[in-house]
Amino acid sequence: MGTADSQIKIWDVKEHTNVANFPGHSGPVTIAFSNKGYYLATGAQVCSLKRWDLRKLNNFKTISLDSNYESILGL
């Protein structure tokens, strides 16, 4: 889940414990999991996308978009 302070928190539902916190975004965060649940993609309104490996609990790819990406994509 994303939090008000723009961190992504990963929880072990069975154990009811927070197992990882992923910082690095500002503003509202959108998340999506891969089909098998090994990877997480996160995006924020500040033009950045991050890919996380949930087995290693680290960020392995960050993509920064140009600030005018909406006009480029026709959004």
PDB file of N, CA and C in Angstrom:
ATOM      1  N   MET A   1       0.831  -1.179   0.000  1.00  0.00           N
ATOM      2  CA  MET A   1       0.000   0.000   0.000  1.00  0.00           C
ATOM      3  C   MET A   1       0.869   1.233   0.000  1.00  0.00           C
ATOM      4  N   GLY A   2       0.378   2.305  -0.579  1.00  0.00           N
ATOM      5  CA  GLY A   2       1.065   3.588  -0.530  1.00  0.00           C
ATOM      6  C   GLY A   2       0.563   4.369   0.678  1.00  0.00           C
ATOM      7  N   THR A   3       1.392   5.227   1.223  1.00  0.00           N
ATOM      8  CA  THR A   3       1.026   5.982   2.418  1.00  0.00           C
ATOM      9  C   THR A   3       0.985   7.477   2.125  1.00  0.00           C
ATOM     10  N   ALA A   4       0.478   8.239   3.077  1.00  0.00           N
ATOM     11  CA  ALA A   4       0.396   9.696   2.925  1.00  0.00           C
ATOM     12  C   ALA A   4       1.775  10.325   2.772  1.00  0.00           C
ATOM     13  N   ASP A   5       2.813   9.677   3.304  1.00  0.00           N
ATOM     14  CA  ASP A   5       4.170  10.222   3.170  1.00  0.00           C
ATOM     15  C   ASP A   5       4.889   9.671   1.936  1.00  0.00           C
ATOM     16  N   SER A   6       4.123   9.098   1.003  1.00  0.00           N
ATOM     17  CA  SER A   6       4.614   8.619  -0.299  1.00  0.00           C
ATOM     18  C   SER A   6       5.560   7.428  -0.204  1.00  0.00           C
ATOM     19  N   GLN A   7       5.513   6.682   0.868  1.00  0.00           N
ATOM     20  CA  GLN A   7       6.280   5.448   0.969  1.00  0.00           C
ATOM     21  C   GLN A   7       5.395   4.282   0.566  1.00  0.00           C
ATOM     22  N   ILE A   8       6.008   3.255   0.016  1.00  0.00           N
ATOM     23  CA  ILE A   8       5.295   2.026  -0.271  1.00  0.00           C
ATOM     24  C   ILE A   8       5.670   1.049   0.829  1.00  0.00           C
ATOM     25  N   LYS A   9       4.676   0.492   1.494  1.00  0.00           N
ATOM     26  CA  LYS A   9       4.921  -0.449   2.585  1.00  0.00           C
ATOM     27  C   LYS A   9       4.470  -1.833   2.159  1.00  0.00           C
ATOM     28  N   ILE A  10       5.345  -2.810   2.330  1.00  0.00           N
ATOM     29  CA  ILE A  10       5.053  -4.198   2.000  1.00  0.00           C
ATOM     30  C   ILE A  10       4.799  -4.947   3.302  1.00  0.00           C
ATOM     31  N   TRP A  11       3.672  -5.639   3.344  1.00  0.00           N
ATOM     32  CA  TRP A  11       3.256  -6.338   4.564  1.00  0.00           C
ATOM     33  C   TRP A  11       3.196  -7.842   4.349  1.00  0.00           C
ATOM     34  N   ASP A  12       3.584  -8.586   5.353  1.00  0.00           N
ATOM     35  CA  ASP A  12       3.359 -10.028   5.403  1.00  0.00           C
ATOM     36  C   ASP A  12       1.987 -10.197   6.052  1.00  0.00           C
ATOM     37  N   VAL A  13       0.997 -10.513   5.253  1.00  0.00           N
ATOM     38  CA  VAL A  13      -0.378 -10.565   5.740  1.00  0.00           C
ATOM     39  C   VAL A  13      -0.556 -11.682   6.771  1.00  0.00           C
ATOM     40  N   LYS A  14       0.089 -12.787   6.545  1.00  0.00           N
ATOM     41  CA  LYS A  14      -0.035 -13.924   7.459  1.00  0.00           C
ATOM     42  C   LYS A  14       0.531 -13.598   8.842  1.00  0.00           C
ATOM     43  N   GLU A  15       1.679 -12.927   8.864  1.00  0.00           N
ATOM     44  CA  GLU A  15       2.346 -12.607  10.135  1.00  0.00           C
ATOM     45  C   GLU A  15       1.945 -11.241  10.690  1.00  0.00           C
ATOM     46  N   HIS A  16       1.207 -10.439   9.902  1.00  0.00           N
ATOM     47  CA  HIS A  16       0.783  -9.099  10.315  1.00  0.00           C
ATOM     48  C   HIS A  16       1.977  -8.197  10.637  1.00  0.00           C
ATOM     49  N   THR A  17       3.018  -8.273   9.785  1.00  0.00           N
ATOM     50  CA  THR A  17       4.211  -7.462  10.006  1.00  0.00           C
ATOM     51  C   THR A  17       4.585  -6.698   8.736  1.00  0.00           C
ATOM     52  N   ASN A  18       5.162  -5.530   8.925  1.00  0.00           N
ATOM     53  CA  ASN A  18       5.688  -4.727   7.832  1.00  0.00           C
ATOM     54  C   ASN A  18       7.086  -5.253   7.519  1.00  0.00           C
ATOM     55  N   VAL A  19       7.296  -5.757   6.292  1.00  0.00           N
ATOM     56  CA  VAL A  19       8.586  -6.368   5.964  1.00  0.00           C
ATOM     57  C   VAL A  19       9.500  -5.462   5.148  1.00  0.00           C
ATOM     58  N   ALA A  20       8.947  -4.406   4.538  1.00  0.00           N
ATOM     59  CA  ALA A  20       9.791  -3.504   3.745  1.00  0.00           C
ATOM     60  C   ALA A  20       9.080  -2.175   3.536  1.00  0.00           C
ATOM     61  N   ASN A  21       9.883  -1.115   3.421  1.00  0.00           N
ATOM     62  CA  ASN A  21       9.395   0.221   3.075  1.00  0.00           C
ATOM     63  C   ASN A  21      10.208   0.706   1.887  1.00  0.00           C
ATOM     64  N   PHE A  22       9.528   1.131   0.844  1.00  0.00           N
ATOM     65  CA  PHE A  22      10.200   1.607  -0.351  1.00  0.00           C
ATOM     66  C   PHE A  22       9.959   3.107  -0.502  1.00  0.00           C
ATOM     67  N   PRO A  23      10.965   3.937  -0.247  1.00  0.00           N
ATOM     68  CA  PRO A  23      10.838   5.384  -0.419  1.00  0.00           C
ATOM     69  C   PRO A  23      11.165   5.780  -1.859  1.00  0.00           C
ATOM     70  N   GLY A  24      11.132   7.058  -2.117  1.00  0.00           N
ATOM     71  CA  GLY A  24      11.627   7.535  -3.395  1.00  0.00           C
ATOM     72  C   GLY A  24      10.622   8.258  -4.259  1.00  0.00           C
ATOM     73  N   HIS A  25       9.366   8.308  -3.857  1.00  0.00           N
ATOM     74  CA  HIS A  25       8.364   9.042  -4.612  1.00  0.00           C
ATOM     75  C   HIS A  25       7.915  10.238  -3.787  1.00  0.00           C
ATOM     76  N   SER A  26       7.267  11.169  -4.454  1.00  0.00           N
ATOM     77  CA  SER A  26       6.588  12.235  -3.736  1.00  0.00           C
ATOM     78  C   SER A  26       5.218  12.401  -4.380  1.00  0.00           C
ATOM     79  N   GLY A  27       4.252  12.723  -3.572  1.00  0.00           N
ATOM     80  CA  GLY A  27       2.881  12.816  -4.057  1.00  0.00           C
ATOM     81  C   GLY A  27       2.204  11.457  -4.065  1.00  0.00           C
ATOM     82  N   PRO A  28       0.974  11.409  -4.567  1.00  0.00           N
ATOM     83  CA  PRO A  28       0.224  10.152  -4.611  1.00  0.00           C
ATOM     84  C   PRO A  28       0.966   9.095  -5.437  1.00  0.00           C
ATOM     85  N   VAL A  29       0.913   7.859  -4.985  1.00  0.00           N
ATOM     86  CA  VAL A  29       1.621   6.754  -5.625  1.00  0.00           C
ATOM     87  C   VAL A  29       0.613   5.729  -6.135  1.00  0.00           C
ATOM     88  N   THR A  30       0.846   5.236  -7.341  1.00  0.00           N
ATOM     89  CA  THR A  30       0.058   4.149  -7.914  1.00  0.00           C
ATOM     90  C   THR A  30       0.937   2.915  -7.958  1.00  0.00           C
ATOM     91  N   ILE A  31       0.360   1.744  -7.626  1.00  0.00           N
ATOM     92  CA  ILE A  31       1.140   0.514  -7.617  1.00  0.00           C
ATOM     93  C   ILE A  31       0.484  -0.554  -8.488  1.00  0.00           C
ATOM     94  N   ALA A  32       1.313  -1.479  -8.997  1.00  0.00           N
ATOM     95  CA  ALA A  32       0.823  -2.626  -9.756  1.00  0.00           C
ATOM     96  C   ALA A  32       1.789  -3.791  -9.530  1.00  0.00           C
ATOM     97  N   PHE A  33       1.241  -4.977  -9.311  1.00  0.00           N
ATOM     98  CA  PHE A  33       2.046  -6.172  -9.097  1.00  0.00           C
ATOM     99  C   PHE A  33       2.137  -6.988 -10.381  1.00  0.00           C
ATOM    100  N   SER A  34       3.241  -7.712 -10.551  1.00  0.00           N
ATOM    101  CA  SER A  34       3.369  -8.631 -11.680  1.00  0.00           C
ATOM    102  C   SER A  34       2.454  -9.834 -11.447  1.00  0.00           C
ATOM    103  N   ASN A  35       2.237 -10.615 -12.506  1.00  0.00           N
ATOM    104  CA  ASN A  35       1.326 -11.765 -12.412  1.00  0.00           C
ATOM    105  C   ASN A  35       1.691 -12.733 -11.296  1.00  0.00           C
ATOM    106  N   LYS A  36       2.960 -13.044 -11.148  1.00  0.00           N
ATOM    107  CA  LYS A  36       3.383 -14.003 -10.121  1.00  0.00           C
ATOM    108  C   LYS A  36       3.693 -13.346  -8.790  1.00  0.00           C
ATOM    109  N   GLY A  37       3.636 -12.026  -8.744  1.00  0.00           N
ATOM    110  CA  GLY A  37       3.854 -11.317  -7.496  1.00  0.00           C
ATOM    111  C   GLY A  37       5.303 -11.112  -7.107  1.00  0.00           C
ATOM    112  N   TYR A  38       6.233 -11.336  -8.030  1.00  0.00           N
ATOM    113  CA  TYR A  38       7.654 -11.171  -7.719  1.00  0.00           C
ATOM    114  C   TYR A  38       8.111  -9.727  -7.869  1.00  0.00           C
ATOM    115  N   TYR A  39       7.376  -8.954  -8.664  1.00  0.00           N
ATOM    116  CA  TYR A  39       7.788  -7.593  -8.952  1.00  0.00           C
ATOM    117  C   TYR A  39       6.650  -6.620  -8.681  1.00  0.00           C
ATOM    118  N   LEU A  40       7.043  -5.390  -8.394  1.00  0.00           N
ATOM    119  CA  LEU A  40       6.100  -4.321  -8.135  1.00  0.00           C
ATOM    120  C   LEU A  40       6.524  -3.124  -8.975  1.00  0.00           C
ATOM    121  N   ALA A  41       5.564  -2.476  -9.606  1.00  0.00           N
ATOM    122  CA  ALA A  41       5.829  -1.233 -10.326  1.00  0.00           C
ATOM    123  C   ALA A  41       5.099  -0.121  -9.592  1.00  0.00           C
ATOM    124  N   THR A  42       5.786   1.006  -9.397  1.00  0.00           N
ATOM    125  CA  THR A  42       5.177   2.144  -8.719  1.00  0.00           C
ATOM    126  C   THR A  42       5.384   3.388  -9.574  1.00  0.00           C
ATOM    127  N   GLY A  43       4.416   4.261  -9.511  1.00  0.00           N
ATOM    128  CA  GLY A  43       4.506   5.504 -10.259  1.00  0.00           C
ATOM    129  C   GLY A  43       3.938   6.639  -9.433  1.00  0.00           C
ATOM    130  N   ALA A  44       4.442   7.830  -9.680  1.00  0.00           N
ATOM    131  CA  ALA A  44       3.971   9.010  -8.960  1.00  0.00           C
ATOM    132  C   ALA A  44       3.785  10.149  -9.943  1.00  0.00           C
ATOM    133  N   GLN A  45       3.130  11.196  -9.489  1.00  0.00           N
ATOM    134  CA  GLN A  45       2.844  12.332 -10.353  1.00  0.00           C
ATOM    135  C   GLN A  45       4.071  13.173 -10.668  1.00  0.00           C
ATOM    136  N   VAL A  46       5.199  12.851 -10.106  1.00  0.00           N
ATOM    137  CA  VAL A  46       6.415  13.619 -10.379  1.00  0.00           C
ATOM    138  C   VAL A  46       7.226  12.982 -11.500  1.00  0.00           C
ATOM    139  N   CYS A  47       6.533  12.283 -12.391  1.00  0.00           N
ATOM    140  CA  CYS A  47       7.141  11.750 -13.617  1.00  0.00           C
ATOM    141  C   CYS A  47       8.194  10.681 -13.376  1.00  0.00           C
ATOM    142  N   SER A  48       7.976   9.808 -12.418  1.00  0.00           N
ATOM    143  CA  SER A  48       8.928   8.721 -12.228  1.00  0.00           C
ATOM    144  C   SER A  48       8.200   7.399 -12.051  1.00  0.00           C
ATOM    145  N   LEU A  49       8.816   6.358 -12.611  1.00  0.00           N
ATOM    146  CA  LEU A  49       8.339   4.990 -12.452  1.00  0.00           C
ATOM    147  C   LEU A  49       9.464   4.186 -11.829  1.00  0.00           C
ATOM    148  N   LYS A  50       9.122   3.311 -10.914  1.00  0.00           N
ATOM    149  CA  LYS A  50      10.136   2.475 -10.266  1.00  0.00           C
ATOM    150  C   LYS A  50       9.692   1.024 -10.327  1.00  0.00           C
ATOM    151  N   ARG A  51      10.647   0.137 -10.551  1.00  0.00           N
ATOM    152  CA  ARG A  51      10.376  -1.294 -10.526  1.00  0.00           C
ATOM    153  C   ARG A  51      11.141  -1.892  -9.358  1.00  0.00           C
ATOM    154  N   TRP A  52      10.445  -2.726  -8.594  1.00  0.00           N
ATOM    155  CA  TRP A  52      10.980  -3.296  -7.370  1.00  0.00           C
ATOM    156  C   TRP A  52      10.969  -4.824  -7.454  1.00  0.00           C
ATOM    157  N   ASP A  53      12.017  -5.452  -6.958  1.00  0.00           N
ATOM    158  CA  ASP A  53      12.076  -6.905  -6.843  1.00  0.00           C
ATOM    159  C   ASP A  53      11.637  -7.250  -5.422  1.00  0.00           C
ATOM    160  N   LEU A  54      10.496  -7.888  -5.276  1.00  0.00           N
ATOM    161  CA  LEU A  54       9.958  -8.178  -3.950  1.00  0.00           C
ATOM    162  C   LEU A  54      10.662  -9.338  -3.265  1.00  0.00           C
ATOM    163  N   ARG A  55      11.419 -10.139  -4.003  1.00  0.00           N
ATOM    164  CA  ARG A  55      12.197 -11.221  -3.376  1.00  0.00           C
ATOM    165  C   ARG A  55      13.459 -10.667  -2.737  1.00  0.00           C
ATOM    166  N   LYS A  56      14.064  -9.665  -3.381  1.00  0.00           N
ATOM    167  CA  LYS A  56      15.288  -9.048  -2.863  1.00  0.00           C
ATOM    168  C   LYS A  56      15.005  -7.753  -2.112  1.00  0.00           C
ATOM    169  N   LEU A  57      13.772  -7.267  -2.198  1.00  0.00           N
ATOM    170  CA  LEU A  57      13.331  -6.036  -1.535  1.00  0.00           C
ATOM    171  C   LEU A  57      14.178  -4.833  -1.933  1.00  0.00           C
ATOM    172  N   ASN A  58      14.387  -4.693  -3.268  1.00  0.00           N
ATOM    173  CA  ASN A  58      15.146  -3.530  -3.737  1.00  0.00           C
ATOM    174  C   ASN A  58      14.587  -2.989  -5.043  1.00  0.00           C
ATOM    175  N   ASN A  59      14.947  -1.755  -5.325  1.00  0.00           N
ATOM    176  CA  ASN A  59      14.584  -1.085  -6.570  1.00  0.00           C
ATOM    177  C   ASN A  59      15.640  -1.436  -7.604  1.00  0.00           C
ATOM    178  N   PHE A  60      15.236  -2.032  -8.728  1.00  0.00           N
ATOM    179  CA  PHE A  60      16.223  -2.401  -9.734  1.00  0.00           C
ATOM    180  C   PHE A  60      16.119  -1.565 -11.011  1.00  0.00           C
ATOM    181  N   LYS A  61      15.102  -0.705 -11.100  1.00  0.00           N
ATOM    182  CA  LYS A  61      14.981   0.130 -12.292  1.00  0.00           C
ATOM    183  C   LYS A  61      14.162   1.372 -11.961  1.00  0.00           C
ATOM    184  N   THR A  62      14.660   2.539 -12.341  1.00  0.00           N
ATOM    185  CA  THR A  62      13.925   3.792 -12.204  1.00  0.00           C
ATOM    186  C   THR A  62      13.893   4.471 -13.559  1.00  0.00           C
ATOM    187  N   ILE A  63      12.722   4.896 -13.957  1.00  0.00           N
ATOM    188  CA  ILE A  63      12.545   5.595 -15.225  1.00  0.00           C
ATOM    189  C   ILE A  63      12.010   6.981 -14.909  1.00  0.00           C
ATOM    190  N   SER A  64      12.733   7.991 -15.334  1.00  0.00           N
ATOM    191  CA  SER A  64      12.293   9.379 -15.148  1.00  0.00           C
ATOM    192  C   SER A  64      11.777   9.902 -16.472  1.00  0.00           C
ATOM    193  N   LEU A  65      10.559  10.419 -16.443  1.00  0.00           N
ATOM    194  CA  LEU A  65       9.954  10.973 -17.643  1.00  0.00           C
ATOM    195  C   LEU A  65      10.180  12.476 -17.696  1.00  0.00           C
ATOM    196  N   ASP A  66      10.239  13.001 -18.884  1.00  0.00           N
ATOM    197  CA  ASP A  66      10.334  14.433 -19.085  1.00  0.00           C
ATOM    198  C   ASP A  66       9.089  15.095 -18.479  1.00  0.00           C
ATOM    199  N   SER A  67       9.228  16.264 -17.937  1.00  0.00           N
ATOM    200  CA  SER A  67       8.106  16.934 -17.276  1.00  0.00           C
ATOM    201  C   SER A  67       6.953  17.230 -18.217  1.00  0.00           C
ATOM    202  N   ASN A  68       7.173  17.230 -19.528  1.00  0.00           N
ATOM    203  CA  ASN A  68       6.078  17.462 -20.465  1.00  0.00           C
ATOM    204  C   ASN A  68       5.602  16.171 -21.121  1.00  0.00           C
ATOM    205  N   TYR A  69       5.740  15.032 -20.432  1.00  0.00           N
ATOM    206  CA  TYR A  69       5.359  13.747 -21.001  1.00  0.00           C
ATOM    207  C   TYR A  69       3.901  13.705 -21.410  1.00  0.00           C
ATOM    208  N   GLU A  70       3.025  14.429 -20.724  1.00  0.00           N
ATOM    209  CA  GLU A  70       1.597  14.407 -21.071  1.00  0.00           C
ATOM    210  C   GLU A  70       1.367  14.988 -22.466  1.00  0.00           C
ATOM    211  N   SER A  71       2.053  16.078 -22.790  1.00  0.00           N
ATOM    212  CA  SER A  71       1.865  16.655 -24.126  1.00  0.00           C
ATOM    213  C   SER A  71       2.485  15.777 -25.191  1.00  0.00           C
ATOM    214  N   ILE A  72       3.576  15.100 -24.876  1.00  0.00           N
ATOM    215  CA  ILE A  72       4.216  14.201 -25.835  1.00  0.00           C
ATOM    216  C   ILE A  72       3.301  13.010 -26.135  1.00  0.00           C
ATOM    217  N   LEU A  73       2.666  12.463 -25.085  1.00  0.00           N
ATOM    218  CA  LEU A  73       1.793  11.303 -25.244  1.00  0.00           C
ATOM    219  C   LEU A  73       0.390  11.677 -25.694  1.00  0.00           C
ATOM    220  N   GLY A  74       0.098  12.964 -25.739  1.00  0.00           N
ATOM    221  CA  GLY A  74      -1.229  13.410 -26.145  1.00  0.00           C
ATOM    222  C   GLY A  74      -2.267  13.265 -25.050  1.00  0.00           C
ATOM    223  N   LEU A  75      -1.840  13.335 -23.789  1.00  0.00           N
ATOM    224  CA  LEU A  75      -2.770  13.212 -22.657  1.00  0.00           C
ATOM    225  C   LEU A  75      -3.317  14.553 -22.231  1.00  0.00           C
TER     226      LEU A  75
END
